[in-house]
Amino acid sequence: MLRYTEDHEWINLDGETGAVGISPHAIEQLGDIVFVELPEAGTTVSKGDSVAVFESVKAASDIYCPASGEITEVNTALLDDLASITPDRAHDCWLFKIKVADSSELDELMDDAAYNAMIA
């Protein structure tokens, strides 16, 4: 189940765990990514918490957690290859995985159609 926030994060829930990243639209708007700060595994977060930072040649952007829970895994491989973070690969470039505490929080997020309508 893929869902989007109004701040352009996505979460793809598989069972109790969701992979989280930023949308192709957000990556396109940021331009070339020059720095990424990721959260630490084991951190407990609440929906809406700022958990990561993307810095590009245009701006720095906080990344907000789309759901409450515990961060279980962080994609540190992205830090070694920032050039791989492109709009075409946005859904492959997950930032972290989170064990979602309450999946009903995702009901408030947008599906593909609603997100695409928002950015149109």
PDB file of N, CA and C in Angstrom:
ATOM      1  N   MET A   1       0.844  -1.178   0.000  1.00  0.00           N
ATOM      2  CA  MET A   1       0.000   0.000   0.000  1.00  0.00           C
ATOM      3  C   MET A   1       0.887   1.238   0.000  1.00  0.00           C
ATOM      4  N   LEU A   2       0.928   1.936  -1.123  1.00  0.00           N
ATOM      5  CA  LEU A   2       1.730   3.138  -1.267  1.00  0.00           C
ATOM      6  C   LEU A   2       0.869   4.369  -0.978  1.00  0.00           C
ATOM      7  N   ARG A   3       1.350   5.221  -0.086  1.00  0.00           N
ATOM      8  CA  ARG A   3       0.626   6.442   0.286  1.00  0.00           C
ATOM      9  C   ARG A   3       1.603   7.612   0.327  1.00  0.00           C
ATOM     10  N   TYR A   4       1.070   8.819   0.127  1.00  0.00           N
ATOM     11  CA  TYR A   4       1.873  10.040   0.096  1.00  0.00           C
ATOM     12  C   TYR A   4       1.374  11.052   1.122  1.00  0.00           C
ATOM     13  N   THR A   5       2.324  11.852   1.632  1.00  0.00           N
ATOM     14  CA  THR A   5       1.957  12.978   2.494  1.00  0.00           C
ATOM     15  C   THR A   5       1.860  14.241   1.642  1.00  0.00           C
ATOM     16  N   GLU A   6       1.303  15.278   2.209  1.00  0.00           N
ATOM     17  CA  GLU A   6       1.265  16.572   1.525  1.00  0.00           C
ATOM     18  C   GLU A   6       2.652  17.196   1.433  1.00  0.00           C
ATOM     19  N   ASP A   7       3.601  16.686   2.238  1.00  0.00           N
ATOM     20  CA  ASP A   7       4.976  17.186   2.211  1.00  0.00           C
ATOM     21  C   ASP A   7       5.854  16.370   1.270  1.00  0.00           C
ATOM     22  N   HIS A   8       5.249  15.481   0.469  1.00  0.00           N
ATOM     23  CA  HIS A   8       5.914  14.730  -0.595  1.00  0.00           C
ATOM     24  C   HIS A   8       6.715  13.516  -0.131  1.00  0.00           C
ATOM     25  N   GLU A   9       6.491  13.049   1.106  1.00  0.00           N
ATOM     26  CA  GLU A   9       7.077  11.771   1.488  1.00  0.00           C
ATOM     27  C   GLU A   9       6.131  10.664   1.025  1.00  0.00           C
ATOM     28  N   TRP A  10       6.689   9.495   0.778  1.00  0.00           N
ATOM     29  CA  TRP A  10       5.846   8.332   0.506  1.00  0.00           C
ATOM     30  C   TRP A  10       6.174   7.254   1.522  1.00  0.00           C
ATOM     31  N   ILE A  11       5.214   6.374   1.749  1.00  0.00           N
ATOM     32  CA  ILE A  11       5.413   5.194   2.580  1.00  0.00           C
ATOM     33  C   ILE A  11       4.762   4.027   1.871  1.00  0.00           C
ATOM     34  N   ASN A  12       5.500   2.932   1.789  1.00  0.00           N
ATOM     35  CA  ASN A  12       4.978   1.715   1.168  1.00  0.00           C
ATOM     36  C   ASN A  12       4.912   0.658   2.253  1.00  0.00           C
ATOM     37  N   LEU A  13       3.719   0.408   2.733  1.00  0.00           N
ATOM     38  CA  LEU A  13       3.517  -0.511   3.850  1.00  0.00           C
ATOM     39  C   LEU A  13       3.446  -1.948   3.347  1.00  0.00           C
ATOM     40  N   ASP A  14       4.242  -2.822   3.977  1.00  0.00           N
ATOM     41  CA  ASP A  14       4.242  -4.257   3.690  1.00  0.00           C
ATOM     42  C   ASP A  14       4.150  -4.949   5.045  1.00  0.00           C
ATOM     43  N   GLY A  15       2.964  -5.425   5.380  1.00  0.00           N
ATOM     44  CA  GLY A  15       2.751  -5.970   6.722  1.00  0.00           C
ATOM     45  C   GLY A  15       2.736  -4.832   7.736  1.00  0.00           C
ATOM     46  N   GLU A  16       3.573  -4.952   8.757  1.00  0.00           N
ATOM     47  CA  GLU A  16       3.643  -3.904   9.785  1.00  0.00           C
ATOM     48  C   GLU A  16       4.743  -2.892   9.505  1.00  0.00           C
ATOM     49  N   THR A  17       5.567  -3.140   8.470  1.00  0.00           N
ATOM     50  CA  THR A  17       6.728  -2.298   8.196  1.00  0.00           C
ATOM     51  C   THR A  17       6.530  -1.519   6.908  1.00  0.00           C
ATOM     52  N   GLY A  18       6.892  -0.238   6.950  1.00  0.00           N
ATOM     53  CA  GLY A  18       6.791   0.609   5.774  1.00  0.00           C
ATOM     54  C   GLY A  18       8.136   1.178   5.391  1.00  0.00           C
ATOM     55  N   ALA A  19       8.440   1.147   4.097  1.00  0.00           N
ATOM     56  CA  ALA A  19       9.619   1.834   3.573  1.00  0.00           C
ATOM     57  C   ALA A  19       9.199   3.272   3.295  1.00  0.00           C
ATOM     58  N   VAL A  20      10.072   4.237   3.630  1.00  0.00           N
ATOM     59  CA  VAL A  20       9.741   5.656   3.490  1.00  0.00           C
ATOM     60  C   VAL A  20      10.769   6.333   2.581  1.00  0.00           C
ATOM     61  N   GLY A  21      10.276   7.179   1.681  1.00  0.00           N
ATOM     62  CA  GLY A  21      11.145   7.955   0.799  1.00  0.00           C
ATOM     63  C   GLY A  21      10.479   9.254   0.425  1.00  0.00           C
ATOM     64  N   ILE A  22      11.065   9.961  -0.547  1.00  0.00           N
ATOM     65  CA  ILE A  22      10.430  11.189  -1.027  1.00  0.00           C
ATOM     66  C   ILE A  22      10.031  10.978  -2.487  1.00  0.00           C
ATOM     67  N   SER A  23       9.034  11.722  -2.901  1.00  0.00           N
ATOM     68  CA  SER A  23       8.406  11.488  -4.200  1.00  0.00           C
ATOM     69  C   SER A  23       9.297  11.930  -5.358  1.00  0.00           C
ATOM     70  N   PRO A  24       9.048  11.389  -6.544  1.00  0.00           N
ATOM     71  CA  PRO A  24       9.761  11.866  -7.731  1.00  0.00           C
ATOM     72  C   PRO A  24       9.601  13.373  -7.920  1.00  0.00           C
ATOM     73  N   HIS A  25       8.408  13.890  -7.653  1.00  0.00           N
ATOM     74  CA  HIS A  25       8.160  15.327  -7.793  1.00  0.00           C
ATOM     75  C   HIS A  25       9.071  16.121  -6.854  1.00  0.00           C
ATOM     76  N   ALA A  26       9.210  15.667  -5.609  1.00  0.00           N
ATOM     77  CA  ALA A  26      10.057  16.376  -4.645  1.00  0.00           C
ATOM     78  C   ALA A  26      11.516  16.348  -5.077  1.00  0.00           C
ATOM     79  N   ILE A  27      11.977  15.199  -5.553  1.00  0.00           N
ATOM     80  CA  ILE A  27      13.370  15.103  -6.010  1.00  0.00           C
ATOM     81  C   ILE A  27      13.602  16.031  -7.195  1.00  0.00           C
ATOM     82  N   GLU A  28      12.636  16.062  -8.102  1.00  0.00           N
ATOM     83  CA  GLU A  28      12.754  16.948  -9.265  1.00  0.00           C
ATOM     84  C   GLU A  28      12.817  18.411  -8.834  1.00  0.00           C
ATOM     85  N   GLN A  29      12.002  18.785  -7.850  1.00  0.00           N
ATOM     86  CA  GLN A  29      11.982  20.173  -7.377  1.00  0.00           C
ATOM     87  C   GLN A  29      13.273  20.533  -6.653  1.00  0.00           C
ATOM     88  N   LEU A  30      13.877  19.571  -5.921  1.00  0.00           N
ATOM     89  CA  LEU A  30      15.110  19.846  -5.191  1.00  0.00           C
ATOM     90  C   LEU A  30      16.299  20.014  -6.128  1.00  0.00           C
ATOM     91  N   GLY A  31      16.337  19.267  -7.206  1.00  0.00           N
ATOM     92  CA  GLY A  31      17.508  19.300  -8.087  1.00  0.00           C
ATOM     93  C   GLY A  31      18.586  18.360  -7.558  1.00  0.00           C
ATOM     94  N   ASP A  32      19.833  18.659  -7.860  1.00  0.00           N
ATOM     95  CA  ASP A  32      20.938  17.787  -7.455  1.00  0.00           C
ATOM     96  C   ASP A  32      21.068  17.745  -5.936  1.00  0.00           C
ATOM     97  N   ILE A  33      21.018  16.540  -5.391  1.00  0.00           N
ATOM     98  CA  ILE A  33      21.138  16.330  -3.957  1.00  0.00           C
ATOM     99  C   ILE A  33      22.625  16.340  -3.593  1.00  0.00           C
ATOM    100  N   VAL A  34      23.007  17.134  -2.586  1.00  0.00           N
ATOM    101  CA  VAL A  34      24.421  17.221  -2.195  1.00  0.00           C
ATOM    102  C   VAL A  34      24.681  16.685  -0.792  1.00  0.00           C
ATOM    103  N   PHE A  35      23.624  16.499   0.002  1.00  0.00           N
ATOM    104  CA  PHE A  35      23.805  16.018   1.374  1.00  0.00           C
ATOM    105  C   PHE A  35      22.488  15.395   1.843  1.00  0.00           C
ATOM    106  N   VAL A  36      22.606  14.281   2.548  1.00  0.00           N
ATOM    107  CA  VAL A  36      21.433  13.642   3.145  1.00  0.00           C
ATOM    108  C   VAL A  36      21.780  13.248   4.569  1.00  0.00           C
ATOM    109  N   GLU A  37      20.914  13.591   5.492  1.00  0.00           N
ATOM    110  CA  GLU A  37      21.051  13.152   6.883  1.00  0.00           C
ATOM    111  C   GLU A  37      19.890  12.215   7.174  1.00  0.00           C
ATOM    112  N   LEU A  38      20.215  11.016   7.637  1.00  0.00           N
ATOM    113  CA  LEU A  38      19.197  10.001   7.887  1.00  0.00           C
ATOM    114  C   LEU A  38      19.055   9.758   9.386  1.00  0.00           C
ATOM    115  N   PRO A  39      17.916   9.234   9.814  1.00  0.00           N
ATOM    116  CA  PRO A  39      17.725   8.933  11.241  1.00  0.00           C
ATOM    117  C   PRO A  39      18.504   7.677  11.630  1.00  0.00           C
ATOM    118  N   GLU A  40      18.518   7.370  12.908  1.00  0.00           N
ATOM    119  CA  GLU A  40      19.184   6.161  13.387  1.00  0.00           C
ATOM    120  C   GLU A  40      18.155   5.054  13.606  1.00  0.00           C
ATOM    121  N   ALA A  41      18.538   3.839  13.266  1.00  0.00           N
ATOM    122  CA  ALA A  41      17.682   2.687  13.550  1.00  0.00           C
ATOM    123  C   ALA A  41      17.489   2.582  15.060  1.00  0.00           C
ATOM    124  N   GLY A  42      16.296   2.189  15.451  1.00  0.00           N
ATOM    125  CA  GLY A  42      15.976   2.060  16.866  1.00  0.00           C
ATOM    126  C   GLY A  42      15.292   3.283  17.442  1.00  0.00           C
ATOM    127  N   THR A  43      15.254   4.362  16.665  1.00  0.00           N
ATOM    128  CA  THR A  43      14.610   5.594  17.116  1.00  0.00           C
ATOM    129  C   THR A  43      13.092   5.447  17.036  1.00  0.00           C
ATOM    130  N   THR A  44      12.408   5.865  18.084  1.00  0.00           N
ATOM    131  CA  THR A  44      10.944   5.884  18.074  1.00  0.00           C
ATOM    132  C   THR A  44      10.498   7.285  17.671  1.00  0.00           C
ATOM    133  N   VAL A  45       9.608   7.352  16.697  1.00  0.00           N
ATOM    134  CA  VAL A  45       9.173   8.640  16.162  1.00  0.00           C
ATOM    135  C   VAL A  45       7.646   8.725  16.143  1.00  0.00           C
ATOM    136  N   SER A  46       7.171   9.952  16.058  1.00  0.00           N
ATOM    137  CA  SER A  46       5.739  10.205  15.921  1.00  0.00           C
ATOM    138  C   SER A  46       5.460  10.722  14.522  1.00  0.00           C
ATOM    139  N   LYS A  47       4.248  10.481  14.061  1.00  0.00           N
ATOM    140  CA  LYS A  47       3.833  11.001  12.759  1.00  0.00           C
ATOM    141  C   LYS A  47       4.053  12.512  12.737  1.00  0.00           C
ATOM    142  N   GLY A  48       4.701  13.004  11.683  1.00  0.00           N
ATOM    143  CA  GLY A  48       4.949  14.428  11.533  1.00  0.00           C
ATOM    144  C   GLY A  48       6.280  14.892  12.076  1.00  0.00           C
ATOM    145  N   ASP A  49       7.010  14.019  12.784  1.00  0.00           N
ATOM    146  CA  ASP A  49       8.337  14.390  13.276  1.00  0.00           C
ATOM    147  C   ASP A  49       9.292  14.582  12.104  1.00  0.00           C
ATOM    148  N   SER A  50      10.181  15.560  12.226  1.00  0.00           N
ATOM    149  CA  SER A  50      11.258  15.720  11.256  1.00  0.00           C
ATOM    150  C   SER A  50      12.300  14.649  11.552  1.00  0.00           C
ATOM    151  N   VAL A  51      12.580  13.773  10.573  1.00  0.00           N
ATOM    152  CA  VAL A  51      13.456  12.637  10.832  1.00  0.00           C
ATOM    153  C   VAL A  51      14.679  12.582   9.927  1.00  0.00           C
ATOM    154  N   ALA A  52      14.700  13.386   8.871  1.00  0.00           N
ATOM    155  CA  ALA A  52      15.835  13.368   7.948  1.00  0.00           C
ATOM    156  C   ALA A  52      15.924  14.742   7.293  1.00  0.00           C
ATOM    157  N   VAL A  53      17.047  14.983   6.625  1.00  0.00           N
ATOM    158  CA  VAL A  53      17.241  16.245   5.916  1.00  0.00           C
ATOM    159  C   VAL A  53      17.826  15.941   4.539  1.00  0.00           C
ATOM    160  N   PHE A  54      17.276  16.587   3.529  1.00  0.00           N
ATOM    161  CA  PHE A  54      17.832  16.556   2.181  1.00  0.00           C
ATOM    162  C   PHE A  54      18.320  17.959   1.872  1.00  0.00           C
ATOM    163  N   GLU A  55      19.554  18.054   1.407  1.00  0.00           N
ATOM    164  CA  GLU A  55      20.090  19.351   1.002  1.00  0.00           C
ATOM    165  C   GLU A  55      20.489  19.245  -0.463  1.00  0.00           C
ATOM    166  N   SER A  56      20.057  20.217  -1.237  1.00  0.00           N
ATOM    167  CA  SER A  56      20.372  20.234  -2.659  1.00  0.00           C
ATOM    168  C   SER A  56      21.041  21.555  -2.992  1.00  0.00           C
ATOM    169  N   VAL A  57      21.360  21.721  -4.254  1.00  0.00           N
ATOM    170  CA  VAL A  57      21.942  22.982  -4.684  1.00  0.00           C
ATOM    171  C   VAL A  57      20.929  24.116  -4.566  1.00  0.00           C
ATOM    172  N   LYS A  58      19.643  23.782  -4.452  1.00  0.00           N
ATOM    173  CA  LYS A  58      18.592  24.796  -4.369  1.00  0.00           C
ATOM    174  C   LYS A  58      18.138  25.096  -2.949  1.00  0.00           C
ATOM    175  N   ALA A  59      18.084  24.077  -2.087  1.00  0.00           N
ATOM    176  CA  ALA A  59      17.490  24.278  -0.764  1.00  0.00           C
ATOM    177  C   ALA A  59      17.768  23.088   0.148  1.00  0.00           C
ATOM    178  N   ALA A  60      17.505  23.268   1.431  1.00  0.00           N
ATOM    179  CA  ALA A  60      17.529  22.169   2.394  1.00  0.00           C
ATOM    180  C   ALA A  60      16.084  21.896   2.790  1.00  0.00           C
ATOM    181  N   SER A  61      15.731  20.628   2.901  1.00  0.00           N
ATOM    182  CA  SER A  61      14.355  20.254   3.219  1.00  0.00           C
ATOM    183  C   SER A  61      14.324  19.195   4.300  1.00  0.00           C
ATOM    184  N   ASP A  62      13.493  19.435   5.309  1.00  0.00           N
ATOM    185  CA  ASP A  62      13.247  18.415   6.314  1.00  0.00           C
ATOM    186  C   ASP A  62      12.351  17.342   5.718  1.00  0.00           C
ATOM    187  N   ILE A  63      12.583  16.113   6.140  1.00  0.00           N
ATOM    188  CA  ILE A  63      11.746  14.990   5.741  1.00  0.00           C
ATOM    189  C   ILE A  63      10.966  14.571   6.981  1.00  0.00           C
ATOM    190  N   TYR A  64       9.651  14.538   6.857  1.00  0.00           N
ATOM    191  CA  TYR A  64       8.774  14.251   7.991  1.00  0.00           C
ATOM    192  C   TYR A  64       8.293  12.808   7.937  1.00  0.00           C
ATOM    193  N   CYS A  65       8.163  12.217   9.106  1.00  0.00           N
ATOM    194  CA  CYS A  65       7.739  10.821   9.183  1.00  0.00           C
ATOM    195  C   CYS A  65       6.232  10.716   8.904  1.00  0.00           C
ATOM    196  N   PRO A  66       5.834   9.866   7.957  1.00  0.00           N
ATOM    197  CA  PRO A  66       4.412   9.754   7.623  1.00  0.00           C
ATOM    198  C   PRO A  66       3.598   8.911   8.606  1.00  0.00           C
ATOM    199  N   ALA A  67       4.274   8.267   9.568  1.00  0.00           N
ATOM    200  CA  ALA A  67       3.557   7.426  10.532  1.00  0.00           C
ATOM    201  C   ALA A  67       4.375   7.320  11.810  1.00  0.00           C
ATOM    202  N   SER A  68       3.721   7.008  12.886  1.00  0.00           N
ATOM    203  CA  SER A  68       4.398   6.784  14.165  1.00  0.00           C
ATOM    204  C   SER A  68       4.924   5.358  14.222  1.00  0.00           C
ATOM    205  N   GLY A  69       6.038   5.182  14.936  1.00  0.00           N
ATOM    206  CA  GLY A  69       6.575   3.844  15.102  1.00  0.00           C
ATOM    207  C   GLY A  69       8.053   3.865  15.395  1.00  0.00           C
ATOM    208  N   GLU A  70       8.688   2.710  15.191  1.00  0.00           N
ATOM    209  CA  GLU A  70      10.124   2.578  15.438  1.00  0.00           C
ATOM    210  C   GLU A  70      10.856   2.393  14.117  1.00  0.00           C
ATOM    211  N   ILE A  71      11.899   3.189  13.910  1.00  0.00           N
ATOM    212  CA  ILE A  71      12.721   3.044  12.713  1.00  0.00           C
ATOM    213  C   ILE A  71      13.552   1.774  12.878  1.00  0.00           C
ATOM    214  N   THR A  72      13.393   0.856  11.933  1.00  0.00           N
ATOM    215  CA  THR A  72      14.030  -0.457  12.058  1.00  0.00           C
ATOM    216  C   THR A  72      15.246  -0.623  11.166  1.00  0.00           C
ATOM    217  N   GLU A  73      15.323   0.178  10.103  1.00  0.00           N
ATOM    218  CA  GLU A  73      16.418   0.023   9.149  1.00  0.00           C
ATOM    219  C   GLU A  73      16.624   1.349   8.434  1.00  0.00           C
ATOM    220  N   VAL A  74      17.891   1.677   8.150  1.00  0.00           N
ATOM    221  CA  VAL A  74      18.219   2.925   7.461  1.00  0.00           C
ATOM    222  C   VAL A  74      19.019   2.576   6.211  1.00  0.00           C
ATOM    223  N   ASN A  75      18.714   3.218   5.107  1.00  0.00           N
ATOM    224  CA  ASN A  75      19.380   2.947   3.827  1.00  0.00           C
ATOM    225  C   ASN A  75      20.648   3.788   3.722  1.00  0.00           C
ATOM    226  N   THR A  76      21.691   3.374   4.429  1.00  0.00           N
ATOM    227  CA  THR A  76      22.948   4.136   4.439  1.00  0.00           C
ATOM    228  C   THR A  76      23.668   4.076   3.100  1.00  0.00           C
ATOM    229  N   ALA A  77      23.313   3.120   2.237  1.00  0.00           N
ATOM    230  CA  ALA A  77      23.938   3.031   0.918  1.00  0.00           C
ATOM    231  C   ALA A  77      23.684   4.294   0.102  1.00  0.00           C
ATOM    232  N   LEU A  78      22.574   4.982   0.385  1.00  0.00           N
ATOM    233  CA  LEU A  78      22.285   6.229  -0.334  1.00  0.00           C
ATOM    234  C   LEU A  78      23.356   7.283  -0.078  1.00  0.00           C
ATOM    235  N   LEU A  79      23.926   7.271   1.118  1.00  0.00           N
ATOM    236  CA  LEU A  79      24.919   8.293   1.480  1.00  0.00           C
ATOM    237  C   LEU A  79      26.175   8.190   0.621  1.00  0.00           C
ATOM    238  N   ASP A  80      26.452   6.997   0.119  1.00  0.00           N
ATOM    239  CA  ASP A  80      27.642   6.788  -0.710  1.00  0.00           C
ATOM    240  C   ASP A  80      27.384   7.079  -2.182  1.00  0.00           C
ATOM    241  N   ASP A  81      26.127   7.263  -2.554  1.00  0.00           N
ATOM    242  CA  ASP A  81      25.793   7.447  -3.972  1.00  0.00           C
ATOM    243  C   ASP A  81      24.612   8.412  -4.114  1.00  0.00           C
ATOM    244  N   LEU A  82      24.819   9.651  -3.708  1.00  0.00           N
ATOM    245  CA  LEU A  82      23.729  10.636  -3.757  1.00  0.00           C
ATOM    246  C   LEU A  82      23.233  10.864  -5.188  1.00  0.00           C
ATOM    247  N   ALA A  83      24.094  10.642  -6.178  1.00  0.00           N
ATOM    248  CA  ALA A  83      23.686  10.827  -7.577  1.00  0.00           C
ATOM    249  C   ALA A  83      22.617   9.820  -7.991  1.00  0.00           C
ATOM    250  N   SER A  84      22.466   8.735  -7.217  1.00  0.00           N
ATOM    251  CA  SER A  84      21.449   7.733  -7.553  1.00  0.00           C
ATOM    252  C   SER A  84      20.045   8.183  -7.162  1.00  0.00           C
ATOM    253  N   ILE A  85      19.945   9.263  -6.405  1.00  0.00           N
ATOM    254  CA  ILE A  85      18.630   9.768  -5.983  1.00  0.00           C
ATOM    255  C   ILE A  85      18.086  10.659  -7.096  1.00  0.00           C
ATOM    256  N   THR A  86      17.314  10.047  -7.965  1.00  0.00           N
ATOM    257  CA  THR A  86      16.751  10.755  -9.112  1.00  0.00           C
ATOM    258  C   THR A  86      15.239  10.530  -9.140  1.00  0.00           C
ATOM    259  N   PRO A  87      14.498  11.391  -9.836  1.00  0.00           N
ATOM    260  CA  PRO A  87      13.049  11.177  -9.930  1.00  0.00           C
ATOM    261  C   PRO A  87      12.687   9.802 -10.485  1.00  0.00           C
ATOM    262  N   ASP A  88      13.468   9.302 -11.438  1.00  0.00           N
ATOM    263  CA  ASP A  88      13.171   7.992 -12.035  1.00  0.00           C
ATOM    264  C   ASP A  88      13.332   6.851 -11.036  1.00  0.00           C
ATOM    265  N   ARG A  89      14.192   7.021 -10.045  1.00  0.00           N
ATOM    266  CA  ARG A  89      14.467   5.952  -9.075  1.00  0.00           C
ATOM    267  C   ARG A  89      13.889   6.268  -7.695  1.00  0.00           C
ATOM    268  N   ALA A  90      13.030   7.262  -7.603  1.00  0.00           N
ATOM    269  CA  ALA A  90      12.541   7.728  -6.296  1.00  0.00           C
ATOM    270  C   ALA A  90      11.963   6.608  -5.446  1.00  0.00           C
ATOM    271  N   HIS A  91      11.212   5.717  -6.050  1.00  0.00           N
ATOM    272  CA  HIS A  91      10.574   4.665  -5.248  1.00  0.00           C
ATOM    273  C   HIS A  91      11.528   3.518  -4.914  1.00  0.00           C
ATOM    274  N   ASP A  92      12.708   3.495  -5.540  1.00  0.00           N
ATOM    275  CA  ASP A  92      13.746   2.528  -5.161  1.00  0.00           C
ATOM    276  C   ASP A  92      14.644   3.090  -4.062  1.00  0.00           C
ATOM    277  N   CYS A  93      14.643   4.408  -3.916  1.00  0.00           N
ATOM    278  CA  CYS A  93      15.534   5.088  -2.971  1.00  0.00           C
ATOM    279  C   CYS A  93      14.826   5.331  -1.633  1.00  0.00           C
ATOM    280  N   TRP A  94      14.460   4.244  -0.970  1.00  0.00           N
ATOM    281  CA  TRP A  94      13.850   4.399   0.351  1.00  0.00           C
ATOM    282  C   TRP A  94      14.906   4.926   1.323  1.00  0.00           C
ATOM    283  N   LEU A  95      14.473   5.699   2.279  1.00  0.00           N
ATOM    284  CA  LEU A  95      15.391   6.316   3.246  1.00  0.00           C
ATOM    285  C   LEU A  95      15.523   5.477   4.500  1.00  0.00           C
ATOM    286  N   PHE A  96      14.371   5.014   4.973  1.00  0.00           N
ATOM    287  CA  PHE A  96      14.369   4.181   6.178  1.00  0.00           C
ATOM    288  C   PHE A  96      13.110   3.334   6.178  1.00  0.00           C
ATOM    289  N   LYS A  97      13.127   2.317   7.036  1.00  0.00           N
ATOM    290  CA  LYS A  97      11.947   1.479   7.223  1.00  0.00           C
ATOM    291  C   LYS A  97      11.476   1.662   8.652  1.00  0.00           C
ATOM    292  N   ILE A  98      10.178   1.652   8.815  1.00  0.00           N
ATOM    293  CA  ILE A  98       9.580   1.907  10.117  1.00  0.00           C
ATOM    294  C   ILE A  98       8.545   0.832  10.425  1.00  0.00           C
ATOM    295  N   LYS A  99       8.591   0.314  11.655  1.00  0.00           N
ATOM    296  CA  LYS A  99       7.532  -0.573  12.121  1.00  0.00           C
ATOM    297  C   LYS A  99       6.404   0.335  12.572  1.00  0.00           C
ATOM    298  N   VAL A 100       5.343   0.353  11.809  1.00  0.00           N
ATOM    299  CA  VAL A 100       4.244   1.288  12.032  1.00  0.00           C
ATOM    300  C   VAL A 100       3.438   0.870  13.258  1.00  0.00           C
ATOM    301  N   ALA A 101       3.267   1.808  14.180  1.00  0.00           N
ATOM    302  CA  ALA A 101       2.560   1.523  15.430  1.00  0.00           C
ATOM    303  C   ALA A 101       1.051   1.430  15.227  1.00  0.00           C
ATOM    304  N   ASP A 102       0.510   2.256  14.331  1.00  0.00           N
ATOM    305  CA  ASP A 102      -0.938   2.304  14.116  1.00  0.00           C
ATOM    306  C   ASP A 102      -1.203   2.547  12.630  1.00  0.00           C
ATOM    307  N   SER A 103      -1.474   1.484  11.901  1.00  0.00           N
ATOM    308  CA  SER A 103      -1.636   1.614  10.442  1.00  0.00           C
ATOM    309  C   SER A 103      -2.824   2.491  10.055  1.00  0.00           C
ATOM    310  N   SER A 104      -3.732   2.752  10.989  1.00  0.00           N
ATOM    311  CA  SER A 104      -4.866   3.626  10.646  1.00  0.00           C
ATOM    312  C   SER A 104      -4.390   5.059  10.376  1.00  0.00           C
ATOM    313  N   GLU A 105      -3.188   5.428  10.842  1.00  0.00           N
ATOM    314  CA  GLU A 105      -2.649   6.763  10.522  1.00  0.00           C
ATOM    315  C   GLU A 105      -2.458   6.935   9.022  1.00  0.00           C
ATOM    316  N   LEU A 106      -2.254   5.831   8.308  1.00  0.00           N
ATOM    317  CA  LEU A 106      -2.030   5.916   6.866  1.00  0.00           C
ATOM    318  C   LEU A 106      -3.311   6.221   6.108  1.00  0.00           C
ATOM    319  N   ASP A 107      -4.455   6.019   6.762  1.00  0.00           N
ATOM    320  CA  ASP A 107      -5.740   6.320   6.119  1.00  0.00           C
ATOM    321  C   ASP A 107      -5.858   7.807   5.776  1.00  0.00           C
ATOM    322  N   GLU A 108      -5.098   8.652   6.496  1.00  0.00           N
ATOM    323  CA  GLU A 108      -5.148  10.098   6.267  1.00  0.00           C
ATOM    324  C   GLU A 108      -4.261  10.529   5.099  1.00  0.00           C
ATOM    325  N   LEU A 109      -3.449   9.608   4.585  1.00  0.00           N
ATOM    326  CA  LEU A 109      -2.523   9.944   3.503  1.00  0.00           C
ATOM    327  C   LEU A 109      -3.189   9.724   2.144  1.00  0.00           C
ATOM    328  N   MET A 110      -2.530  10.217   1.086  1.00  0.00           N
ATOM    329  CA  MET A 110      -3.094  10.172  -0.262  1.00  0.00           C
ATOM    330  C   MET A 110      -2.625   8.939  -1.037  1.00  0.00           C
ATOM    331  N   ASP A 111      -3.503   8.417  -1.896  1.00  0.00           N
ATOM    332  CA  ASP A 111      -3.092   7.389  -2.834  1.00  0.00           C
ATOM    333  C   ASP A 111      -2.472   8.072  -4.064  1.00  0.00           C
ATOM    334  N   ASP A 112      -2.043   7.276  -5.044  1.00  0.00           N
ATOM    335  CA  ASP A 112      -1.395   7.831  -6.244  1.00  0.00           C
ATOM    336  C   ASP A 112      -2.246   8.897  -6.931  1.00  0.00           C
ATOM    337  N   ALA A 113      -3.530   8.595  -7.134  1.00  0.00           N
ATOM    338  CA  ALA A 113      -4.407   9.513  -7.864  1.00  0.00           C
ATOM    339  C   ALA A 113      -4.551  10.845  -7.135  1.00  0.00           C
ATOM    340  N   ALA A 114      -4.752  10.789  -5.833  1.00  0.00           N
ATOM    341  CA  ALA A 114      -4.916  12.026  -5.065  1.00  0.00           C
ATOM    342  C   ALA A 114      -3.618  12.826  -5.031  1.00  0.00           C
ATOM    343  N   TYR A 115      -2.485  12.128  -4.886  1.00  0.00           N
ATOM    344  CA  TYR A 115      -1.200  12.839  -4.866  1.00  0.00           C
ATOM    345  C   TYR A 115      -0.921  13.495  -6.216  1.00  0.00           C
ATOM    346  N   ASN A 116      -1.131  12.735  -7.292  1.00  0.00           N
ATOM    347  CA  ASN A 116      -0.891  13.305  -8.622  1.00  0.00           C
ATOM    348  C   ASN A 116      -1.800  14.490  -8.903  1.00  0.00           C
ATOM    349  N   ALA A 117      -3.030  14.449  -8.400  1.00  0.00           N
ATOM    350  CA  ALA A 117      -3.937  15.598  -8.554  1.00  0.00           C
ATOM    351  C   ALA A 117      -3.416  16.799  -7.766  1.00  0.00           C
ATOM    352  N   MET A 118      -2.836  16.553  -6.586  1.00  0.00           N
ATOM    353  CA  MET A 118      -2.316  17.649  -5.773  1.00  0.00           C
ATOM    354  C   MET A 118      -1.143  18.359  -6.457  1.00  0.00           C
ATOM    355  N   ILE A 119      -0.268  17.599  -7.103  1.00  0.00           N
ATOM    356  CA  ILE A 119       0.925  18.221  -7.691  1.00  0.00           C
ATOM    357  C   ILE A 119       0.695  18.716  -9.112  1.00  0.00           C
ATOM    358  N   ALA A 120      -0.467  18.407  -9.675  1.00  0.00           N
ATOM    359  CA  ALA A 120      -0.759  18.818 -11.064  1.00  0.00           C
ATOM    360  C   ALA A 120      -0.922  20.327 -11.173  1.00  0.00           C
TER     361      ALA A 120
END
